[in-house]
Amino acid sequence: MKNKTMQEMNEQFKDCPIQQNVYEVDGKLYRVTSHFVGNKNINDVILEYAESRAMCEMLGRIPTEKQQ
């Protein structure tokens, strides 16, 4: 499978819907741009990420937030 350049992906997905949201986390603003280009179920993706993150935290593979 050929790796596509950013320009090729922009052209391929130019007509797909895009949504932008701004979120504030711990006083810092984050802009999230969602590009709806496929048919993955977002609930499944988030669940998989959450399970992976929880497992890594329990096994000590990633640092957790420091307690103040």
C-alpha atoms as a PDB file:
ATOM      1  CA  MET A   1       0.000   0.000   0.000  1.00  0.00           C
ATOM      2  CA  LYS A   2       1.374   3.390  -1.020  1.00  0.00           C
ATOM      3  CA  ASN A   3       1.864   6.053   1.638  1.00  0.00           C
ATOM      4  CA  LYS A   4      -0.060   9.121   0.538  1.00  0.00           C
ATOM      5  CA  THR A   5       1.226  12.655   0.810  1.00  0.00           C
ATOM      6  CA  MET A   6      -0.749  15.276   2.712  1.00  0.00           C
ATOM      7  CA  GLN A   7      -1.666  16.948  -0.577  1.00  0.00           C
ATOM      8  CA  GLU A   8      -3.052  13.677  -1.967  1.00  0.00           C
ATOM      9  CA  MET A   9      -5.129  13.096   1.164  1.00  0.00           C
ATOM     10  CA  ASN A  10      -6.406  16.683   1.102  1.00  0.00           C
ATOM     11  CA  GLU A  11      -7.571  16.195  -2.481  1.00  0.00           C
ATOM     12  CA  GLN A  12      -9.120  12.788  -1.778  1.00  0.00           C
ATOM     13  CA  PHE A  13     -11.092  13.943   1.263  1.00  0.00           C
ATOM     14  CA  LYS A  14     -11.837  17.570   0.303  1.00  0.00           C
ATOM     15  CA  ASP A  15     -15.597  16.953   0.084  1.00  0.00           C
ATOM     16  CA  CYS A  16     -15.875  15.063   3.392  1.00  0.00           C
ATOM     17  CA  PRO A  17     -17.477  16.864   6.348  1.00  0.00           C
ATOM     18  CA  ILE A  18     -15.271  18.602   8.905  1.00  0.00           C
ATOM     19  CA  GLN A  19     -16.173  19.746  12.407  1.00  0.00           C
ATOM     20  CA  GLN A  20     -14.125  22.018  14.675  1.00  0.00           C
ATOM     21  CA  ASN A  21     -14.521  22.361  18.441  1.00  0.00           C
ATOM     22  CA  VAL A  22     -12.536  24.211  21.077  1.00  0.00           C
ATOM     23  CA  TYR A  23     -12.141  22.616  24.506  1.00  0.00           C
ATOM     24  CA  GLU A  24     -10.585  24.016  27.662  1.00  0.00           C
ATOM     25  CA  VAL A  25      -8.597  21.594  29.795  1.00  0.00           C
ATOM     26  CA  ASP A  26      -6.795  22.822  32.909  1.00  0.00           C
ATOM     27  CA  GLY A  27      -6.982  26.406  31.640  1.00  0.00           C
ATOM     28  CA  LYS A  28      -5.450  25.575  28.257  1.00  0.00           C
ATOM     29  CA  LEU A  29      -7.473  25.768  25.043  1.00  0.00           C
ATOM     30  CA  TYR A  30      -7.334  22.919  22.544  1.00  0.00           C
ATOM     31  CA  ARG A  31      -8.800  23.081  19.039  1.00  0.00           C
ATOM     32  CA  VAL A  32      -9.978  19.705  17.768  1.00  0.00           C
ATOM     33  CA  THR A  33     -10.662  19.287  14.063  1.00  0.00           C
ATOM     34  CA  SER A  34     -12.608  16.156  13.141  1.00  0.00           C
ATOM     35  CA  HIS A  35     -12.415  14.909   9.570  1.00  0.00           C
ATOM     36  CA  PHE A  36     -15.191  12.428   8.806  1.00  0.00           C
ATOM     37  CA  VAL A  37     -13.622  10.310   6.075  1.00  0.00           C
ATOM     38  CA  GLY A  38     -14.346   6.709   6.962  1.00  0.00           C
ATOM     39  CA  ASN A  39     -16.847   4.382   8.474  1.00  0.00           C
ATOM     40  CA  LYS A  40     -15.336   3.582  11.885  1.00  0.00           C
ATOM     41  CA  ASN A  41     -17.642   3.681  14.874  1.00  0.00           C
ATOM     42  CA  ILE A  42     -16.298   6.462  17.127  1.00  0.00           C
ATOM     43  CA  ASN A  43     -17.631   4.692  20.226  1.00  0.00           C
ATOM     44  CA  ASP A  44     -15.545   1.610  19.436  1.00  0.00           C
ATOM     45  CA  VAL A  45     -12.441   3.718  18.794  1.00  0.00           C
ATOM     46  CA  ILE A  46     -12.784   5.648  22.070  1.00  0.00           C
ATOM     47  CA  LEU A  47     -13.481   2.462  24.055  1.00  0.00           C
ATOM     48  CA  GLU A  48     -10.393   0.776  22.603  1.00  0.00           C
ATOM     49  CA  TYR A  49      -8.250   3.815  23.412  1.00  0.00           C
ATOM     50  CA  ALA A  50      -9.622   4.053  26.973  1.00  0.00           C
ATOM     51  CA  GLU A  51      -9.007   0.357  27.643  1.00  0.00           C
ATOM     52  CA  SER A  52      -5.469   0.599  26.290  1.00  0.00           C
ATOM     53  CA  ARG A  53      -4.730   3.713  28.336  1.00  0.00           C
ATOM     54  CA  ALA A  54      -6.121   2.155  31.533  1.00  0.00           C
ATOM     55  CA  MET A  55      -4.067  -1.002  31.035  1.00  0.00           C
ATOM     56  CA  CYS A  56      -0.894   1.000  30.467  1.00  0.00           C
ATOM     57  CA  GLU A  57      -1.543   3.082  33.589  1.00  0.00           C
ATOM     58  CA  MET A  58      -2.134  -0.037  35.707  1.00  0.00           C
ATOM     59  CA  LEU A  59       1.076  -1.616  34.422  1.00  0.00           C
ATOM     60  CA  GLY A  60       3.040   1.589  34.957  1.00  0.00           C
ATOM     61  CA  ARG A  61       3.949   2.026  31.296  1.00  0.00           C
ATOM     62  CA  ILE A  62       2.955   5.680  31.106  1.00  0.00           C
ATOM     63  CA  PRO A  63       3.268   8.356  33.772  1.00  0.00           C
ATOM     64  CA  THR A  64       0.047   9.297  35.537  1.00  0.00           C
ATOM     65  CA  GLU A  65      -0.834  12.841  36.536  1.00  0.00           C
ATOM     66  CA  LYS A  66       1.010  13.919  39.697  1.00  0.00           C
ATOM     67  CA  GLN A  67      -1.118  14.351  42.814  1.00  0.00           C
ATOM     68  CA  GLN A  68      -0.997  17.867  44.269  1.00  0.00           C
END
